[in-house]
Amino acid sequence: MLHTTNHVIKHKAGLLNLAEELSNVSKACKIMGVSRDTFYR
């Protein structure tokens, strides 16, 4: 369970960092294969 939690946290952190780098949430979500709705949850 801890491994799964760490994986989810790292994935979210990576997505947030990418969105910041690109200054574009939509592009970051598209690259990472995540919906914008999920991003804002």
Protein backbone atom coordinates (compact mmCIF):
# COMPACT_ATOMS: atom_id res chain seq x y z
CA MET A 1 0.00 0.00 0.00
CA LEU A 2 2.81 2.42 0.87
CA HIS A 3 4.46 1.76 -2.49
CA THR A 4 1.21 2.55 -4.31
CA THR A 5 0.74 5.76 -2.32
CA ASN A 6 4.30 6.88 -3.09
CA HIS A 7 3.77 6.15 -6.79
CA VAL A 8 0.60 8.25 -6.89
CA ILE A 9 2.28 11.13 -5.07
CA LYS A 10 5.28 11.08 -7.43
CA HIS A 11 2.98 11.02 -10.47
CA LYS A 12 0.97 13.99 -9.18
CA ALA A 13 4.15 15.90 -8.34
CA GLY A 14 5.50 15.23 -11.83
CA LEU A 15 2.28 16.46 -13.39
CA LEU A 16 2.31 19.63 -11.28
CA ASN A 17 5.95 20.30 -12.16
CA LEU A 18 5.30 19.78 -15.87
CA ALA A 19 2.28 22.11 -15.77
CA GLU A 20 4.43 24.75 -14.11
CA GLU A 21 7.28 24.30 -16.61
CA LEU A 22 4.94 24.57 -19.58
CA SER A 23 2.77 27.24 -17.96
CA ASN A 24 -0.09 25.26 -19.44
CA VAL A 25 -2.21 22.75 -17.53
CA SER A 26 -3.97 21.46 -20.66
CA LYS A 27 -0.71 20.57 -22.41
CA ALA A 28 0.71 18.94 -19.29
CA CYS A 29 -2.41 16.83 -18.86
CA LYS A 30 -2.35 15.78 -22.50
CA ILE A 31 1.31 14.74 -22.27
CA MET A 32 0.75 12.80 -19.05
CA GLY A 33 -2.53 11.25 -20.21
CA VAL A 34 -4.61 12.78 -17.43
CA SER A 35 -7.89 14.64 -17.84
CA ARG A 36 -8.05 18.24 -16.67
CA ASP A 37 -10.92 17.25 -14.40
CA THR A 38 -8.62 14.78 -12.64
CA PHE A 39 -5.87 17.41 -12.45
CA TYR A 40 -8.10 19.76 -10.47
CA ARG A 41 -9.24 17.06 -8.00
